[in-house]
Amino acid sequence: MVRLGGFQTVHKSTDKYRGKTMKKAFGIIGAFGREEDGVALTEYLILLALLVGGVIIAVTAAGDNLAAAWDTWGTFWNQLSYTG
């Protein structure tokens, strides 16, 4: 290890592996892009995002009506359990 101005630097023997590690990482990322599994996964993630967005928009648009329906449903079940 070499010390320069109070900072430690990496030893030159470990420095030679740094380029190989980066090449391997970029190779894995590139392989993900070339494989069809990566494309299919991306399509499913986009579809999932669209579905979640649709549900959020629907619940936001019908929020008050949904809350009223939920309260009515809860009241119905509470009355059933007390009279039963």
N, C-alpha and C. Protein backbone atom coordinates (compact mmCIF):
# COMPACT_ATOMS: atom_id res chain seq x y z
N MET A 1 0.85 -1.16 0.00
CA MET A 1 0.00 0.00 0.00
C MET A 1 0.90 1.23 0.00
N VAL A 2 0.52 2.23 -0.76
CA VAL A 2 1.31 3.45 -0.87
C VAL A 2 0.54 4.57 -0.20
N ARG A 3 1.23 5.39 0.57
CA ARG A 3 0.59 6.50 1.27
C ARG A 3 1.07 7.80 0.62
N LEU A 4 0.11 8.56 0.10
CA LEU A 4 0.43 9.84 -0.54
C LEU A 4 -0.36 10.95 0.12
N GLY A 5 0.31 11.88 0.76
CA GLY A 5 -0.35 13.04 1.35
C GLY A 5 -1.43 12.68 2.36
N GLY A 6 -1.25 11.63 3.13
CA GLY A 6 -2.22 11.25 4.14
C GLY A 6 -3.32 10.33 3.61
N PHE A 7 -3.39 10.12 2.31
CA PHE A 7 -4.40 9.24 1.73
C PHE A 7 -3.76 7.93 1.35
N GLN A 8 -4.48 6.85 1.56
CA GLN A 8 -3.98 5.54 1.18
C GLN A 8 -4.45 5.21 -0.22
N THR A 9 -3.57 4.65 -1.00
CA THR A 9 -3.96 4.23 -2.35
C THR A 9 -3.92 2.72 -2.42
N VAL A 10 -4.59 2.18 -3.39
CA VAL A 10 -4.64 0.74 -3.56
C VAL A 10 -3.29 0.25 -4.05
N HIS A 11 -2.92 -0.90 -3.55
CA HIS A 11 -1.65 -1.48 -3.98
C HIS A 11 -1.71 -1.82 -5.45
N LYS A 12 -0.61 -1.70 -6.13
CA LYS A 12 -0.59 -1.91 -7.58
C LYS A 12 -0.99 -3.33 -7.97
N SER A 13 -0.81 -4.31 -7.11
CA SER A 13 -1.17 -5.68 -7.48
C SER A 13 -2.69 -5.85 -7.56
N THR A 14 -3.47 -5.12 -6.75
CA THR A 14 -4.92 -5.21 -6.84
C THR A 14 -5.47 -4.32 -7.94
N ASP A 15 -4.69 -3.36 -8.37
CA ASP A 15 -5.13 -2.43 -9.41
C ASP A 15 -5.35 -3.13 -10.75
N LYS A 16 -4.62 -4.22 -11.01
CA LYS A 16 -4.75 -4.91 -12.29
C LYS A 16 -6.08 -5.65 -12.41
N TYR A 17 -6.75 -5.98 -11.29
CA TYR A 17 -8.04 -6.68 -11.33
C TYR A 17 -9.21 -5.73 -11.55
N ARG A 18 -8.99 -4.46 -11.33
CA ARG A 18 -10.06 -3.49 -11.43
C ARG A 18 -10.64 -3.45 -12.84
N GLY A 19 -9.86 -3.47 -13.87
CA GLY A 19 -10.34 -3.45 -15.25
C GLY A 19 -11.11 -4.71 -15.60
N LYS A 20 -10.65 -5.86 -15.11
CA LYS A 20 -11.34 -7.13 -15.39
C LYS A 20 -12.71 -7.17 -14.73
N THR A 21 -12.82 -6.63 -13.54
CA THR A 21 -14.10 -6.62 -12.84
C THR A 21 -15.11 -5.76 -13.58
N MET A 22 -14.68 -4.61 -14.06
CA MET A 22 -15.59 -3.73 -14.80
C MET A 22 -16.01 -4.36 -16.11
N LYS A 23 -15.08 -5.02 -16.79
CA LYS A 23 -15.43 -5.69 -18.05
C LYS A 23 -16.45 -6.80 -17.80
N LYS A 24 -16.26 -7.53 -16.71
CA LYS A 24 -17.20 -8.61 -16.38
C LYS A 24 -18.58 -8.04 -16.07
N ALA A 25 -18.64 -6.93 -15.31
CA ALA A 25 -19.92 -6.31 -14.96
C ALA A 25 -20.64 -5.82 -16.21
N PHE A 26 -19.91 -5.16 -17.10
CA PHE A 26 -20.53 -4.67 -18.34
C PHE A 26 -20.93 -5.83 -19.24
N GLY A 27 -20.20 -6.93 -19.19
CA GLY A 27 -20.57 -8.12 -19.97
C GLY A 27 -21.88 -8.72 -19.50
N ILE A 28 -22.08 -8.75 -18.19
CA ILE A 28 -23.33 -9.27 -17.63
C ILE A 28 -24.50 -8.37 -18.02
N ILE A 29 -24.29 -7.06 -17.93
CA ILE A 29 -25.35 -6.11 -18.30
C ILE A 29 -25.67 -6.24 -19.79
N GLY A 30 -24.65 -6.38 -20.61
CA GLY A 30 -24.86 -6.53 -22.05
C GLY A 30 -25.58 -7.83 -22.38
N ALA A 31 -25.24 -8.91 -21.68
CA ALA A 31 -25.90 -10.19 -21.91
C ALA A 31 -27.38 -10.10 -21.54
N PHE A 32 -27.69 -9.36 -20.49
CA PHE A 32 -29.09 -9.18 -20.10
C PHE A 32 -29.87 -8.50 -21.22
N GLY A 33 -29.26 -7.54 -21.88
CA GLY A 33 -29.92 -6.85 -22.98
C GLY A 33 -30.06 -7.72 -24.22
N ARG A 34 -29.13 -8.64 -24.44
CA ARG A 34 -29.18 -9.49 -25.62
C ARG A 34 -30.13 -10.66 -25.47
N GLU A 35 -30.34 -11.12 -24.26
CA GLU A 35 -31.20 -12.28 -24.04
C GLU A 35 -32.67 -11.89 -24.13
N GLU A 36 -33.48 -12.81 -24.59
CA GLU A 36 -34.91 -12.56 -24.71
C GLU A 36 -35.59 -12.54 -23.35
N ASP A 37 -35.02 -13.20 -22.36
CA ASP A 37 -35.62 -13.20 -21.03
C ASP A 37 -35.66 -11.79 -20.46
N GLY A 38 -34.62 -11.03 -20.72
CA GLY A 38 -34.58 -9.64 -20.25
C GLY A 38 -35.66 -8.80 -20.90
N VAL A 39 -35.90 -9.03 -22.18
CA VAL A 39 -36.94 -8.30 -22.89
C VAL A 39 -38.31 -8.67 -22.34
N ALA A 40 -38.55 -9.95 -22.12
CA ALA A 40 -39.84 -10.40 -21.59
C ALA A 40 -40.06 -9.84 -20.18
N LEU A 41 -39.02 -9.83 -19.38
CA LEU A 41 -39.13 -9.28 -18.03
C LEU A 41 -39.48 -7.80 -18.09
N THR A 42 -38.86 -7.08 -18.98
CA THR A 42 -39.14 -5.66 -19.14
C THR A 42 -40.59 -5.44 -19.56
N GLU A 43 -41.07 -6.26 -20.48
CA GLU A 43 -42.47 -6.13 -20.92
C GLU A 43 -43.42 -6.39 -19.76
N TYR A 44 -43.15 -7.40 -18.96
CA TYR A 44 -44.01 -7.70 -17.82
C TYR A 44 -43.97 -6.58 -16.79
N LEU A 45 -42.81 -5.97 -16.58
CA LEU A 45 -42.71 -4.87 -15.63
C LEU A 45 -43.48 -3.65 -16.11
N ILE A 46 -43.44 -3.39 -17.41
CA ILE A 46 -44.21 -2.28 -17.97
C ILE A 46 -45.70 -2.55 -17.81
N LEU A 47 -46.12 -3.78 -18.10
CA LEU A 47 -47.52 -4.15 -17.94
C LEU A 47 -47.96 -4.01 -16.48
N LEU A 48 -47.14 -4.46 -15.56
CA LEU A 48 -47.45 -4.34 -14.14
C LEU A 48 -47.57 -2.88 -13.73
N ALA A 49 -46.68 -2.03 -14.22
CA ALA A 49 -46.74 -0.60 -13.90
C ALA A 49 -48.03 0.02 -14.43
N LEU A 50 -48.44 -0.36 -15.64
CA LEU A 50 -49.68 0.16 -16.19
C LEU A 50 -50.90 -0.29 -15.38
N LEU A 51 -50.89 -1.55 -14.95
CA LEU A 51 -52.00 -2.05 -14.14
C LEU A 51 -52.07 -1.35 -12.79
N VAL A 52 -50.94 -1.19 -12.15
CA VAL A 52 -50.92 -0.50 -10.85
C VAL A 52 -51.37 0.94 -11.02
N GLY A 53 -50.90 1.60 -12.09
CA GLY A 53 -51.34 2.96 -12.35
C GLY A 53 -52.84 3.05 -12.58
N GLY A 54 -53.40 2.09 -13.31
CA GLY A 54 -54.84 2.07 -13.54
C GLY A 54 -55.63 1.89 -12.26
N VAL A 55 -55.15 1.02 -11.40
CA VAL A 55 -55.84 0.80 -10.12
C VAL A 55 -55.77 2.07 -9.26
N ILE A 56 -54.62 2.71 -9.24
CA ILE A 56 -54.48 3.95 -8.45
C ILE A 56 -55.42 5.03 -8.98
N ILE A 57 -55.50 5.17 -10.30
CA ILE A 57 -56.38 6.18 -10.89
C ILE A 57 -57.85 5.85 -10.60
N ALA A 58 -58.22 4.57 -10.70
CA ALA A 58 -59.61 4.18 -10.44
C ALA A 58 -59.99 4.42 -8.99
N VAL A 59 -59.11 4.07 -8.08
CA VAL A 59 -59.42 4.27 -6.65
C VAL A 59 -59.46 5.76 -6.32
N THR A 60 -58.57 6.54 -6.91
CA THR A 60 -58.58 7.98 -6.66
C THR A 60 -59.85 8.62 -7.22
N ALA A 61 -60.25 8.21 -8.42
CA ALA A 61 -61.44 8.79 -9.04
C ALA A 61 -62.71 8.41 -8.29
N ALA A 62 -62.78 7.21 -7.76
CA ALA A 62 -63.99 6.75 -7.08
C ALA A 62 -63.79 6.70 -5.57
N GLY A 63 -62.87 7.48 -5.06
CA GLY A 63 -62.50 7.41 -3.65
C GLY A 63 -63.65 7.61 -2.69
N ASP A 64 -64.42 8.70 -2.87
CA ASP A 64 -65.53 8.98 -1.94
C ASP A 64 -66.62 7.92 -2.04
N ASN A 65 -66.95 7.55 -3.26
CA ASN A 65 -67.99 6.52 -3.43
C ASN A 65 -67.52 5.19 -2.88
N LEU A 66 -66.26 4.88 -3.05
CA LEU A 66 -65.69 3.64 -2.54
C LEU A 66 -65.72 3.62 -1.01
N ALA A 67 -65.38 4.76 -0.41
CA ALA A 67 -65.41 4.84 1.06
C ALA A 67 -66.83 4.67 1.58
N ALA A 68 -67.81 5.28 0.90
CA ALA A 68 -69.21 5.14 1.33
C ALA A 68 -69.69 3.70 1.19
N ALA A 69 -69.32 3.05 0.10
CA ALA A 69 -69.71 1.66 -0.11
C ALA A 69 -69.06 0.76 0.95
N TRP A 70 -67.82 1.03 1.28
CA TRP A 70 -67.13 0.23 2.29
C TRP A 70 -67.80 0.40 3.66
N ASP A 71 -68.18 1.63 4.00
CA ASP A 71 -68.87 1.87 5.27
C ASP A 71 -70.22 1.15 5.31
N THR A 72 -70.95 1.18 4.21
CA THR A 72 -72.24 0.49 4.14
C THR A 72 -72.06 -1.00 4.31
N TRP A 73 -71.08 -1.55 3.66
CA TRP A 73 -70.79 -2.98 3.76
C TRP A 73 -70.41 -3.36 5.19
N GLY A 74 -69.57 -2.52 5.82
CA GLY A 74 -69.18 -2.79 7.20
C GLY A 74 -70.35 -2.72 8.15
N THR A 75 -71.23 -1.75 7.95
CA THR A 75 -72.42 -1.62 8.79
C THR A 75 -73.33 -2.83 8.63
N PHE A 76 -73.47 -3.31 7.40
CA PHE A 76 -74.30 -4.49 7.14
C PHE A 76 -73.77 -5.69 7.93
N TRP A 77 -72.48 -5.93 7.88
CA TRP A 77 -71.91 -7.08 8.58
C TRP A 77 -71.99 -6.92 10.09
N ASN A 78 -71.82 -5.69 10.58
CA ASN A 78 -71.95 -5.46 12.02
C ASN A 78 -73.37 -5.74 12.50
N GLN A 79 -74.36 -5.32 11.73
CA GLN A 79 -75.75 -5.56 12.11
C GLN A 79 -76.08 -7.05 12.10
N LEU A 80 -75.50 -7.77 11.14
CA LEU A 80 -75.72 -9.22 11.07
C LEU A 80 -75.16 -9.91 12.30
N SER A 81 -73.99 -9.51 12.74
CA SER A 81 -73.36 -10.19 13.86
C SER A 81 -74.06 -9.88 15.17
N TYR A 82 -74.68 -8.68 15.32
CA TYR A 82 -75.38 -8.35 16.56
C TYR A 82 -76.76 -8.99 16.63
N THR A 83 -77.41 -9.18 15.49
CA THR A 83 -78.75 -9.75 15.51
C THR A 83 -78.73 -11.26 15.41
N GLY A 84 -77.59 -11.81 15.02
CA GLY A 84 -77.52 -13.23 14.74
C GLY A 84 -77.51 -14.08 15.92
